[in-house]
Amino acid sequence: MESLQLGTSHLKASPIIFGGNVFGWTLNEKESFRILDEMLDLGITMIDTADAYSRWVDGNEGGESERIIGKWLKERKNRDKITLATKVGADMGKGSRNISKNYILDKVEDSLKRLQTDYIDLYFTHWDDDKTPVEETLEAYQQLIKEGKVRVIGASNLSANRLKESLDASAEKNLPKYQVFQPEYNLMSRKQFEENIAPLCKTYELGVTPYFSLASGFLTGKYRSEKDMEDSSRKGFVKDYLNRRGLEILNALDQISEEHQVDNAAVALRWLMQKDIVTAPIASATKSKHLANFTQAIEMKLSSEEMGKLDEVSKM
């Protein structure tokens, strides 16, 4: 597994990165602290969040996840043990995305305050606004790196064209380079990343930290019918997966998980972990048993035949 270069040191990414979108959404503060403690006990030391988490919940305005993480870091006095990633640029309620220089320089201060830290290890462009010159965005990050507020930058959800434009501008104009790309990538969603983005990540030597590694919980096998998702907070994310291809993928996961005596989630995560292009997948947990899947994924190994079977059944 590759290292993520953070500042002047090379910090090994956790085998799995904890996804902080659940904090302030499906977990309250007390529950979040418990899961964070258990996460660290398992040796998972990297947390991924964003300023927009979890604005989609009624009554939330964004920043809830960062605020909970920041309070946990302060109370546990363990900032030095955690590699912290957050993001900027998503719609924060004004109906548009923004990655202009002034906006980034303003919003980073909000994130630092909520996280109760004076630096961010990995700061992502969360979404493109499709209008700010890439040089302007990178200049904002250059200033933040110079000020010591950000160590390394990454990008998420950029088109192949905008990502390449950004990477070329970094080289040509001596601006900071995106070191990591965060795509949606899992057994259900492969085509967009593999065809358009993965070649760029290889050419420009970017780390890759996929989100929705479990396809919003679909790959755990808990959603196999419309009835299964009736009361789920993730219904909007997973309803489109409930088709013939999705059920065939679940069937393959069932078979492999039974062979290894692990849960489906562990197999789906392990498939990502064994992809050469992937540095570490991002996954969330709301229960201790979910974290047990992380341990299973870290400890198991898929054979080439099993990887091939999953590749075949999930191809687009």
Protein backbone atom coordinates (compact mmCIF):
# COMPACT_ATOMS: atom_id res chain seq x y z
CA MET A 1 0.00 0.00 0.00
CA GLU A 2 1.31 3.40 -0.96
CA SER A 3 2.14 6.17 1.49
CA LEU A 4 0.46 9.54 1.47
CA GLN A 5 3.08 12.27 1.42
CA LEU A 6 2.11 14.79 4.06
CA GLY A 7 4.37 17.79 4.37
CA THR A 8 7.97 16.71 4.67
CA SER A 9 7.14 13.26 6.04
CA HIS A 10 5.60 10.13 4.62
CA LEU A 11 2.75 8.97 6.82
CA LYS A 12 1.35 5.58 6.08
CA ALA A 13 -2.35 5.80 5.37
CA SER A 14 -4.54 3.63 7.53
CA PRO A 15 -5.43 0.42 5.67
CA ILE A 16 -8.96 1.83 5.84
CA ILE A 17 -9.87 5.50 6.28
CA PHE A 18 -12.79 6.27 8.56
CA GLY A 19 -15.55 8.23 6.82
CA GLY A 20 -16.82 11.01 9.05
CA ASN A 21 -20.06 11.71 7.19
CA VAL A 22 -21.99 9.76 9.86
CA PHE A 23 -21.10 12.20 12.65
CA GLY A 24 -24.04 14.51 13.27
CA TRP A 25 -26.18 12.42 10.92
CA THR A 26 -26.73 8.79 11.94
CA LEU A 27 -24.59 9.18 15.08
CA ASN A 28 -25.01 11.81 17.78
CA GLU A 29 -22.03 13.22 19.66
CA LYS A 30 -21.91 10.54 22.36
CA GLU A 31 -22.21 7.71 19.83
CA SER A 32 -19.60 9.35 17.61
CA PHE A 33 -17.09 9.52 20.46
CA ARG A 34 -17.59 5.82 21.19
CA ILE A 35 -17.03 4.81 17.57
CA LEU A 36 -14.01 7.12 17.27
CA ASP A 37 -12.46 5.55 20.39
CA GLU A 38 -13.03 2.05 19.02
CA MET A 39 -11.67 3.10 15.63
CA LEU A 40 -8.42 4.30 17.15
CA ASP A 41 -8.13 1.17 19.27
CA LEU A 42 -8.20 -0.84 16.04
CA GLY A 43 -5.28 1.16 14.67
CA ILE A 44 -7.29 3.19 12.17
CA THR A 45 -5.73 6.62 12.41
CA MET A 46 -7.05 8.57 9.42
CA ILE A 47 -10.41 10.36 9.40
CA ASP A 48 -12.05 11.87 6.33
CA THR A 49 -14.68 14.58 6.73
CA ALA A 50 -15.89 17.78 5.00
CA ASP A 51 -17.31 21.15 5.92
CA ALA A 52 -20.60 20.15 4.28
CA TYR A 53 -21.14 17.09 6.52
CA SER A 54 -23.96 16.72 7.38
CA ARG A 55 -25.89 19.64 5.92
CA TRP A 56 -28.45 17.33 4.27
CA VAL A 57 -30.02 16.49 7.64
CA ASP A 58 -33.05 18.58 8.64
CA GLY A 59 -31.93 21.28 11.06
CA ASN A 60 -28.23 21.00 10.16
CA GLU A 61 -26.25 23.74 8.46
CA GLY A 62 -23.00 21.91 7.77
CA GLY A 63 -19.93 21.58 9.96
CA GLU A 64 -21.55 19.12 12.35
CA SER A 65 -19.06 16.34 11.61
CA GLU A 66 -16.03 18.62 11.93
CA ARG A 67 -17.36 19.98 15.20
CA ILE A 68 -17.78 16.52 16.73
CA ILE A 69 -14.34 15.40 15.56
CA GLY A 70 -12.77 18.58 16.92
CA LYS A 71 -14.36 18.13 20.31
CA TRP A 72 -13.20 14.50 20.41
CA LEU A 73 -9.63 15.48 19.45
CA LYS A 74 -9.54 18.11 22.19
CA GLU A 75 -11.00 15.90 24.90
CA ARG A 76 -8.81 12.91 24.03
CA LYS A 77 -5.71 15.09 23.42
CA ASN A 78 -4.73 12.85 20.49
CA ARG A 79 -4.39 15.22 17.53
CA ASP A 80 -0.84 13.97 16.96
CA LYS A 81 -2.15 10.42 16.45
CA ILE A 82 -4.66 11.32 13.76
CA THR A 83 -4.24 12.07 10.07
CA LEU A 84 -7.07 14.47 9.38
CA ALA A 85 -8.64 15.12 5.98
CA THR A 86 -11.42 17.59 5.29
CA LYS A 87 -12.83 19.33 2.24
CA VAL A 88 -14.04 22.64 0.86
CA GLY A 89 -16.15 23.72 -2.08
CA ALA A 90 -19.47 21.91 -1.65
CA ASP A 91 -22.75 23.81 -1.61
CA MET A 92 -23.18 25.07 1.95
CA GLY A 93 -26.78 26.16 1.46
CA LYS A 94 -26.41 28.99 -1.01
CA GLY A 95 -27.28 26.90 -4.04
CA SER A 96 -23.82 26.82 -5.58
CA ARG A 97 -20.34 25.39 -5.16
CA ASN A 98 -17.31 27.61 -4.74
CA ILE A 99 -13.56 27.02 -5.02
CA SER A 100 -12.45 30.61 -5.49
CA LYS A 101 -9.38 31.78 -3.61
CA ASN A 102 -11.20 34.13 -1.26
CA TYR A 103 -13.81 31.51 -0.46
CA ILE A 104 -11.24 28.81 0.37
CA LEU A 105 -9.18 31.19 2.53
CA ASP A 106 -12.34 32.11 4.44
CA LYS A 107 -13.80 28.63 4.84
CA VAL A 108 -10.56 26.98 5.97
CA GLU A 109 -10.71 29.16 9.07
CA ASP A 110 -14.18 27.83 9.86
CA SER A 111 -12.97 24.25 9.46
CA LEU A 112 -9.90 24.82 11.64
CA LYS A 113 -12.06 26.36 14.35
CA ARG A 114 -14.57 23.51 14.31
CA LEU A 115 -11.81 20.88 14.25
CA GLN A 116 -10.00 22.70 17.08
CA THR A 117 -6.65 22.32 15.33
CA ASP A 118 -4.19 24.69 13.71
CA TYR A 119 -3.49 22.50 10.68
CA ILE A 120 -5.20 20.09 8.30
CA ASP A 121 -3.16 17.15 7.07
CA LEU A 122 -5.03 16.70 3.78
CA TYR A 123 -7.33 19.39 2.37
CA PHE A 124 -9.56 18.47 -0.56
CA THR A 125 -11.29 20.37 -3.30
CA HIS A 126 -14.62 18.66 -2.64
CA TRP A 127 -16.52 19.63 -5.79
CA ASP A 128 -15.67 21.76 -8.81
CA ASP A 129 -17.57 24.97 -9.39
CA ASP A 130 -16.68 24.72 -13.10
CA LYS A 131 -15.76 28.39 -13.33
CA THR A 132 -12.84 29.27 -11.05
CA PRO A 133 -9.50 29.09 -12.91
CA VAL A 134 -7.57 26.11 -11.58
CA GLU A 135 -4.59 28.38 -10.93
CA GLU A 136 -6.66 30.53 -8.58
CA THR A 137 -7.73 27.51 -6.53
CA LEU A 138 -4.16 26.24 -6.33
CA GLU A 139 -2.90 29.69 -5.31
CA ALA A 140 -5.24 29.57 -2.32
CA TYR A 141 -3.75 26.24 -1.29
CA GLN A 142 -0.24 27.58 -1.85
CA GLN A 143 -0.92 30.32 0.67
CA LEU A 144 -2.40 27.89 3.20
CA ILE A 145 0.55 25.53 2.87
CA LYS A 146 2.97 28.42 3.30
CA GLU A 147 1.10 29.50 6.44
CA GLY A 148 1.25 25.96 7.83
CA LYS A 149 -2.52 25.56 7.91
CA VAL A 150 -2.55 22.78 5.32
CA ARG A 151 0.07 20.12 4.65
CA VAL A 152 -1.08 18.41 1.45
CA ILE A 153 -3.95 18.92 -0.99
CA GLY A 154 -6.23 16.52 -2.78
CA ALA A 155 -9.20 16.62 -5.14
CA SER A 156 -12.54 14.85 -5.21
CA ASN A 157 -15.18 14.64 -7.91
CA LEU A 158 -13.27 16.67 -10.50
CA SER A 159 -13.75 15.76 -14.14
CA ALA A 160 -10.78 14.20 -15.91
CA ASN A 161 -10.27 17.41 -17.88
CA ARG A 162 -10.25 19.69 -14.84
CA LEU A 163 -8.04 17.31 -12.89
CA LYS A 164 -5.49 17.18 -15.71
CA GLU A 165 -5.66 20.95 -16.14
CA SER A 166 -4.96 21.37 -12.43
CA LEU A 167 -2.06 18.92 -12.44
CA ASP A 168 -0.50 20.55 -15.49
CA ALA A 169 -0.87 24.02 -13.95
CA SER A 170 0.94 22.78 -10.83
CA ALA A 171 3.93 21.67 -12.90
CA GLU A 172 4.01 24.65 -15.24
CA LYS A 173 3.44 27.42 -12.68
CA ASN A 174 5.15 26.01 -9.61
CA LEU A 175 1.91 25.63 -7.69
CA PRO A 176 1.00 22.92 -5.17
CA LYS A 177 0.00 19.62 -6.73
CA TYR A 178 -2.96 17.49 -5.79
CA GLN A 179 -1.39 14.43 -4.17
CA VAL A 180 -4.56 12.41 -3.68
CA PHE A 181 -7.76 11.88 -5.62
CA GLN A 182 -10.97 10.80 -3.91
CA PRO A 183 -13.47 9.23 -6.33
CA GLU A 184 -16.70 7.35 -5.93
CA TYR A 185 -15.44 3.83 -6.57
CA ASN A 186 -16.77 0.46 -5.52
CA LEU A 187 -18.09 -2.78 -7.00
CA MET A 188 -21.29 -1.01 -8.03
CA SER A 189 -19.62 2.12 -9.47
CA ARG A 190 -16.54 1.40 -11.56
CA LYS A 191 -16.81 2.76 -15.09
CA GLN A 192 -16.37 6.50 -14.51
CA PHE A 193 -13.26 6.14 -12.37
CA GLU A 194 -11.57 3.27 -14.17
CA GLU A 195 -11.99 4.71 -17.66
CA ASN A 196 -11.51 8.43 -17.09
CA ILE A 197 -9.66 9.12 -13.85
CA ALA A 198 -7.52 6.09 -13.00
CA PRO A 199 -5.15 6.62 -15.97
CA LEU A 200 -4.47 10.17 -14.75
CA CYS A 201 -3.87 8.97 -11.20
CA LYS A 202 -1.30 6.49 -12.50
CA THR A 203 0.43 8.96 -14.81
CA TYR A 204 0.63 11.72 -12.19
CA GLU A 205 1.26 9.32 -9.29
CA LEU A 206 -1.73 10.32 -7.19
CA GLY A 207 -2.89 8.38 -4.16
CA VAL A 208 -6.48 7.15 -4.45
CA THR A 209 -8.91 7.07 -1.51
CA PRO A 210 -12.33 5.95 -2.76
CA TYR A 211 -15.53 7.02 -1.02
CA PHE A 212 -18.82 5.08 -0.93
CA SER A 213 -16.62 1.97 -0.70
CA LEU A 214 -19.65 -0.06 0.37
CA ALA A 215 -22.03 1.68 -2.05
CA SER A 216 -23.87 3.40 0.82
CA GLY A 217 -24.31 0.06 2.58
CA PHE A 218 -25.70 -1.87 -0.39
CA LEU A 219 -22.63 -4.12 -0.58
CA THR A 220 -23.16 -5.25 3.01
CA GLY A 221 -26.11 -7.26 1.69
CA LYS A 222 -28.66 -5.61 3.99
CA TYR A 223 -30.73 -4.23 1.08
CA ARG A 224 -32.08 -7.01 -1.14
CA SER A 225 -35.63 -5.78 -1.69
CA GLU A 226 -37.66 -2.58 -1.66
CA LYS A 227 -38.94 -3.54 1.77
CA ASP A 228 -35.39 -3.72 3.18
CA MET A 229 -34.83 -0.05 2.48
CA GLU A 230 -38.23 1.32 3.47
CA ASP A 231 -37.05 2.98 6.67
CA SER A 232 -33.40 3.48 5.75
CA SER A 233 -31.79 6.92 5.78
CA ARG A 234 -29.77 5.70 2.79
CA LYS A 235 -32.74 4.75 0.61
CA GLY A 236 -32.04 7.56 -1.82
CA PHE A 237 -28.49 6.33 -2.30
CA VAL A 238 -29.10 2.62 -2.79
CA LYS A 239 -32.45 2.29 -4.59
CA ASP A 240 -30.80 2.36 -8.03
CA TYR A 241 -28.55 -0.57 -7.12
CA LEU A 242 -31.46 -2.94 -6.64
CA ASN A 243 -31.36 -4.53 -10.09
CA ARG A 244 -30.09 -7.73 -11.71
CA ARG A 245 -26.45 -6.63 -11.73
CA GLY A 246 -26.62 -5.55 -8.09
CA LEU A 247 -28.13 -8.83 -6.98
CA GLU A 248 -25.52 -10.81 -8.93
CA ILE A 249 -22.76 -8.86 -7.17
CA LEU A 250 -24.38 -9.61 -3.81
CA ASN A 251 -24.56 -13.28 -4.74
CA ALA A 252 -20.83 -13.33 -5.53
CA LEU A 253 -20.09 -11.57 -2.24
CA ASP A 254 -22.26 -14.11 -0.43
CA GLN A 255 -20.26 -16.99 -1.84
CA ILE A 256 -16.83 -15.50 -1.16
CA SER A 257 -17.73 -14.29 2.33
CA GLU A 258 -19.01 -17.74 3.24
CA GLU A 259 -15.75 -19.28 2.03
CA HIS A 260 -13.72 -16.90 4.22
CA GLN A 261 -16.18 -16.85 7.12
CA VAL A 262 -16.41 -13.05 7.04
CA ASP A 263 -19.14 -10.54 6.25
CA ASN A 264 -19.90 -9.23 2.77
CA ALA A 265 -18.66 -5.78 3.74
CA ALA A 266 -15.21 -7.17 4.47
CA VAL A 267 -14.99 -8.76 1.02
CA ALA A 268 -16.15 -5.59 -0.74
CA LEU A 269 -13.57 -3.54 1.15
CA ARG A 270 -10.84 -6.09 0.50
CA TRP A 271 -11.55 -5.98 -3.24
CA LEU A 272 -10.73 -2.28 -3.16
CA MET A 273 -7.70 -2.75 -0.92
CA GLN A 274 -6.19 -5.23 -3.37
CA LYS A 275 -6.58 -2.90 -6.34
CA ASP A 276 -3.11 -1.56 -7.21
CA ILE A 277 -4.50 1.90 -7.86
CA VAL A 278 -6.09 2.23 -4.40
CA THR A 279 -4.14 3.68 -1.48
CA ALA A 280 -6.89 3.11 1.10
CA PRO A 281 -10.70 2.98 0.88
CA ILE A 282 -12.95 5.19 2.98
CA ALA A 283 -15.68 3.46 4.97
CA SER A 284 -18.04 4.55 7.71
CA ALA A 285 -19.30 2.67 10.74
CA THR A 286 -22.12 3.29 13.17
CA LYS A 287 -21.80 0.09 15.22
CA SER A 288 -18.99 -1.97 16.71
CA LYS A 289 -19.88 -4.85 14.40
CA HIS A 290 -19.24 -2.57 11.43
CA LEU A 291 -15.73 -1.91 12.72
CA ALA A 292 -15.28 -5.68 13.00
CA ASN A 293 -15.74 -5.78 9.22
CA PHE A 294 -12.78 -3.40 8.92
CA THR A 295 -10.63 -5.84 10.91
CA GLN A 296 -11.80 -8.74 8.76
CA ALA A 297 -10.93 -6.84 5.58
CA ILE A 298 -7.48 -5.94 6.86
CA GLU A 299 -6.69 -9.51 7.92
CA MET A 300 -8.07 -11.45 4.94
CA LYS A 301 -6.70 -11.98 1.43
CA LEU A 302 -8.67 -12.59 -1.75
CA SER A 303 -7.26 -15.06 -4.24
CA SER A 304 -6.69 -14.04 -7.85
CA GLU A 305 -9.67 -16.21 -8.78
CA GLU A 306 -11.89 -14.42 -6.27
CA MET A 307 -10.71 -11.01 -7.46
CA GLY A 308 -11.41 -12.12 -11.03
CA LYS A 309 -14.89 -13.30 -10.10
CA LEU A 310 -15.73 -9.95 -8.52
CA ASP A 311 -14.22 -8.07 -11.45
CA GLU A 312 -16.31 -10.07 -13.90
CA VAL A 313 -19.65 -9.86 -12.12
CA SER A 314 -19.29 -6.11 -11.48
CA LYS A 315 -18.05 -5.02 -14.90
CA MET A 316 -20.16 -2.34 -16.58
